[in-house]
Amino acid sequence: MSIAHAGVAAWHAYMNSGGDAALLSAQVADDAVFHSPVVHSPQEGKAKVMLYLLSAAKVLGNESFTYVREIVDGQDALLEFTSVIDGIHINGIDLIRFDHDGKIIDFKVMVRPVKAVNKLWEMMAAQLQAAAG
């Protein structure tokens, strides 16, 4: 089993947990980087990556969220997902790189169509503001 296969299994366990912060924390490397579909600059460091991933789980993690395809190779995994928020169909990918210890070192999210990006931006901004407050 590759590093990424083990990492993807741990990621699915986290997603199935309903957003358990302790499970996620065990999976994210201290120097991890998050690339948001709605924020230009990379978010660096475990605390910021955790904030974005926990917020995304709250925004996207409804009953319609499902992974529909995954490609795993070496240290990398690409997980395609679909979800519906406020009647808007979202299609996206999580592109994840794992370090040699199996922890998430790089996490990039891409979303389509533009209507979905706009809805995600609106909801993530509100969720991040709530988390910071």
C-alpha atoms as a PDB file:
ATOM      1  CA  MET A   1       0.000   0.000   0.000  1.00  0.00           C
ATOM      2  CA  SER A   2       1.395   3.394  -0.992  1.00  0.00           C
ATOM      3  CA  ILE A   3       1.711   6.321   1.353  1.00  0.00           C
ATOM      4  CA  ALA A   4      -1.166   8.027  -0.441  1.00  0.00           C
ATOM      5  CA  HIS A   5      -3.459   4.971  -0.134  1.00  0.00           C
ATOM      6  CA  ALA A   6      -3.031   5.016   3.651  1.00  0.00           C
ATOM      7  CA  GLY A   7      -3.487   8.798   3.701  1.00  0.00           C
ATOM      8  CA  VAL A   8      -6.673   8.596   1.630  1.00  0.00           C
ATOM      9  CA  ALA A   9      -8.082   5.931   3.966  1.00  0.00           C
ATOM     10  CA  ALA A  10      -7.385   8.236   6.935  1.00  0.00           C
ATOM     11  CA  TRP A  11      -8.949  11.176   5.051  1.00  0.00           C
ATOM     12  CA  HIS A  12     -12.123   9.175   4.375  1.00  0.00           C
ATOM     13  CA  ALA A  13     -12.274   8.235   8.075  1.00  0.00           C
ATOM     14  CA  TYR A  14     -12.076  11.940   8.931  1.00  0.00           C
ATOM     15  CA  MET A  15     -14.775  12.847   6.390  1.00  0.00           C
ATOM     16  CA  ASN A  16     -17.035  10.085   7.736  1.00  0.00           C
ATOM     17  CA  SER A  17     -16.503  11.378  11.288  1.00  0.00           C
ATOM     18  CA  GLY A  18     -18.502  14.522  10.609  1.00  0.00           C
ATOM     19  CA  GLY A  19     -15.470  16.803  10.918  1.00  0.00           C
ATOM     20  CA  ASP A  20     -13.630  15.470  13.986  1.00  0.00           C
ATOM     21  CA  ALA A  21     -10.847  18.028  14.577  1.00  0.00           C
ATOM     22  CA  ALA A  22      -8.676  15.548  16.508  1.00  0.00           C
ATOM     23  CA  LEU A  23      -8.743  13.073  13.610  1.00  0.00           C
ATOM     24  CA  LEU A  24      -7.831  15.827  11.171  1.00  0.00           C
ATOM     25  CA  SER A  25      -5.064  17.193  13.383  1.00  0.00           C
ATOM     26  CA  ALA A  26      -3.376  13.787  13.421  1.00  0.00           C
ATOM     27  CA  GLN A  27      -3.301  13.842   9.601  1.00  0.00           C
ATOM     28  CA  VAL A  28      -1.953  17.341   8.900  1.00  0.00           C
ATOM     29  CA  ALA A  29       1.790  18.015   8.877  1.00  0.00           C
ATOM     30  CA  ASP A  30       3.037  21.060  10.792  1.00  0.00           C
ATOM     31  CA  ASP A  31       4.298  22.706   7.585  1.00  0.00           C
ATOM     32  CA  ALA A  32       1.280  21.823   5.436  1.00  0.00           C
ATOM     33  CA  VAL A  33      -0.035  24.220   2.784  1.00  0.00           C
ATOM     34  CA  PHE A  34      -3.654  24.707   1.677  1.00  0.00           C
ATOM     35  CA  HIS A  35      -4.647  26.107  -1.733  1.00  0.00           C
ATOM     36  CA  SER A  36      -8.211  27.405  -1.772  1.00  0.00           C
ATOM     37  CA  PRO A  37     -10.329  27.808  -4.910  1.00  0.00           C
ATOM     38  CA  VAL A  38     -11.389  31.245  -3.621  1.00  0.00           C
ATOM     39  CA  VAL A  39      -8.232  32.635  -1.944  1.00  0.00           C
ATOM     40  CA  HIS A  40      -5.276  33.531  -4.166  1.00  0.00           C
ATOM     41  CA  SER A  41      -2.422  33.050  -1.706  1.00  0.00           C
ATOM     42  CA  PRO A  42      -1.500  29.641  -0.259  1.00  0.00           C
ATOM     43  CA  GLN A  43      -2.412  29.213   3.406  1.00  0.00           C
ATOM     44  CA  GLU A  44       0.707  27.932   5.172  1.00  0.00           C
ATOM     45  CA  GLY A  45       1.054  26.058   8.446  1.00  0.00           C
ATOM     46  CA  LYS A  46      -0.994  23.466  10.280  1.00  0.00           C
ATOM     47  CA  ALA A  47      -3.257  25.972  12.082  1.00  0.00           C
ATOM     48  CA  LYS A  48      -4.370  27.670   8.843  1.00  0.00           C
ATOM     49  CA  VAL A  49      -4.769  24.369   6.987  1.00  0.00           C
ATOM     50  CA  MET A  50      -6.886  23.017   9.847  1.00  0.00           C
ATOM     51  CA  LEU A  51      -9.037  26.166   9.860  1.00  0.00           C
ATOM     52  CA  TYR A  52      -9.763  25.898   6.128  1.00  0.00           C
ATOM     53  CA  LEU A  53     -10.366  22.137   6.099  1.00  0.00           C
ATOM     54  CA  LEU A  54     -12.649  22.215   9.151  1.00  0.00           C
ATOM     55  CA  SER A  55     -14.572  25.141   7.664  1.00  0.00           C
ATOM     56  CA  ALA A  56     -14.873  23.366   4.314  1.00  0.00           C
ATOM     57  CA  ALA A  57     -16.246  20.272   6.062  1.00  0.00           C
ATOM     58  CA  LYS A  58     -18.989  22.426   7.602  1.00  0.00           C
ATOM     59  CA  VAL A  59     -19.807  24.160   4.315  1.00  0.00           C
ATOM     60  CA  LEU A  60     -19.630  21.160   1.967  1.00  0.00           C
ATOM     61  CA  GLY A  61     -20.285  18.286   4.357  1.00  0.00           C
ATOM     62  CA  ASN A  62     -24.005  17.899   3.825  1.00  0.00           C
ATOM     63  CA  GLU A  63     -25.959  14.774   2.860  1.00  0.00           C
ATOM     64  CA  SER A  64     -25.347  15.435  -0.854  1.00  0.00           C
ATOM     65  CA  PHE A  65     -21.526  15.422  -0.582  1.00  0.00           C
ATOM     66  CA  THR A  66     -19.931  12.381  -2.156  1.00  0.00           C
ATOM     67  CA  TYR A  67     -16.608  11.389  -3.641  1.00  0.00           C
ATOM     68  CA  VAL A  68     -17.196  10.003  -7.127  1.00  0.00           C
ATOM     69  CA  ARG A  69     -13.678   9.130  -8.289  1.00  0.00           C
ATOM     70  CA  GLU A  70     -10.191   8.844  -6.894  1.00  0.00           C
ATOM     71  CA  ILE A  71      -6.771   8.478  -8.441  1.00  0.00           C
ATOM     72  CA  VAL A  72      -3.916   7.515  -6.139  1.00  0.00           C
ATOM     73  CA  ASP A  73      -0.256   7.299  -7.088  1.00  0.00           C
ATOM     74  CA  GLY A  74       2.834   7.373  -4.863  1.00  0.00           C
ATOM     75  CA  GLN A  75       2.465  10.338  -2.501  1.00  0.00           C
ATOM     76  CA  ASP A  76      -0.420  11.959  -4.404  1.00  0.00           C
ATOM     77  CA  ALA A  77      -4.177  11.519  -4.475  1.00  0.00           C
ATOM     78  CA  LEU A  78      -6.860  13.205  -6.522  1.00  0.00           C
ATOM     79  CA  LEU A  79     -10.388  12.881  -5.127  1.00  0.00           C
ATOM     80  CA  GLU A  80     -13.260  14.151  -7.259  1.00  0.00           C
ATOM     81  CA  PHE A  81     -16.382  15.190  -5.365  1.00  0.00           C
ATOM     82  CA  THR A  82     -19.892  16.472  -5.943  1.00  0.00           C
ATOM     83  CA  SER A  83     -22.235  18.333  -3.639  1.00  0.00           C
ATOM     84  CA  VAL A  84     -25.285  20.564  -3.778  1.00  0.00           C
ATOM     85  CA  ILE A  85     -25.525  23.783  -1.754  1.00  0.00           C
ATOM     86  CA  ASP A  86     -28.593  26.003  -1.998  1.00  0.00           C
ATOM     87  CA  GLY A  87     -29.607  24.250  -5.220  1.00  0.00           C
ATOM     88  CA  ILE A  88     -26.197  24.820  -6.830  1.00  0.00           C
ATOM     89  CA  HIS A  89     -24.414  21.695  -8.052  1.00  0.00           C
ATOM     90  CA  ILE A  90     -20.734  21.733  -7.159  1.00  0.00           C
ATOM     91  CA  ASN A  91     -18.110  19.576  -8.841  1.00  0.00           C
ATOM     92  CA  GLY A  92     -14.567  19.688  -7.530  1.00  0.00           C
ATOM     93  CA  ILE A  93     -11.355  17.923  -6.751  1.00  0.00           C
ATOM     94  CA  ASP A  94      -9.171  17.594  -3.697  1.00  0.00           C
ATOM     95  CA  LEU A  95      -5.552  17.204  -4.815  1.00  0.00           C
ATOM     96  CA  ILE A  96      -3.603  15.948  -1.818  1.00  0.00           C
ATOM     97  CA  ARG A  97       0.112  15.247  -1.357  1.00  0.00           C
ATOM     98  CA  PHE A  98       1.284  13.239   1.636  1.00  0.00           C
ATOM     99  CA  ASP A  99       4.739  13.366   3.219  1.00  0.00           C
ATOM    100  CA  HIS A 100       6.794  10.228   3.937  1.00  0.00           C
ATOM    101  CA  ASP A 101       5.004   9.850   7.290  1.00  0.00           C
ATOM    102  CA  GLY A 102       1.609   9.787   5.545  1.00  0.00           C
ATOM    103  CA  LYS A 103       0.584  13.263   6.753  1.00  0.00           C
ATOM    104  CA  ILE A 104      -1.041  15.846   4.501  1.00  0.00           C
ATOM    105  CA  ILE A 105       1.656  18.236   3.290  1.00  0.00           C
ATOM    106  CA  ASP A 106      -0.229  19.943   0.457  1.00  0.00           C
ATOM    107  CA  PHE A 107      -3.983  20.207  -0.127  1.00  0.00           C
ATOM    108  CA  LYS A 108      -5.420  21.951  -3.183  1.00  0.00           C
ATOM    109  CA  VAL A 109      -9.136  22.323  -3.906  1.00  0.00           C
ATOM    110  CA  MET A 110     -10.490  23.169  -7.344  1.00  0.00           C
ATOM    111  CA  VAL A 111     -14.197  23.777  -7.974  1.00  0.00           C
ATOM    112  CA  ARG A 112     -16.454  24.284 -10.979  1.00  0.00           C
ATOM    113  CA  PRO A 113     -18.625  25.838 -12.380  1.00  0.00           C
ATOM    114  CA  VAL A 114     -18.118  29.529 -11.597  1.00  0.00           C
ATOM    115  CA  LYS A 115     -21.572  29.732  -9.962  1.00  0.00           C
ATOM    116  CA  ALA A 116     -20.391  27.058  -7.506  1.00  0.00           C
ATOM    117  CA  VAL A 117     -17.133  28.933  -6.841  1.00  0.00           C
ATOM    118  CA  ASN A 118     -19.104  32.078  -6.035  1.00  0.00           C
ATOM    119  CA  LYS A 119     -21.432  30.212  -3.642  1.00  0.00           C
ATOM    120  CA  LEU A 120     -18.482  28.482  -1.995  1.00  0.00           C
ATOM    121  CA  TRP A 121     -16.676  31.811  -1.577  1.00  0.00           C
ATOM    122  CA  GLU A 122     -19.747  33.335   0.090  1.00  0.00           C
ATOM    123  CA  MET A 123     -20.262  30.413   2.482  1.00  0.00           C
ATOM    124  CA  MET A 124     -16.579  29.881   3.302  1.00  0.00           C
ATOM    125  CA  ALA A 125     -16.142  33.587   4.087  1.00  0.00           C
ATOM    126  CA  ALA A 126     -19.038  33.407   6.551  1.00  0.00           C
ATOM    127  CA  GLN A 127     -17.726  30.159   8.089  1.00  0.00           C
ATOM    128  CA  LEU A 128     -14.152  31.474   8.459  1.00  0.00           C
ATOM    129  CA  GLN A 129     -15.436  34.693  10.028  1.00  0.00           C
ATOM    130  CA  ALA A 130     -17.522  32.671  12.489  1.00  0.00           C
ATOM    131  CA  ALA A 131     -14.540  30.439  13.318  1.00  0.00           C
ATOM    132  CA  ALA A 132     -12.313  33.485  13.930  1.00  0.00           C
ATOM    133  CA  GLY A 133     -14.902  35.246  16.075  1.00  0.00           C
END
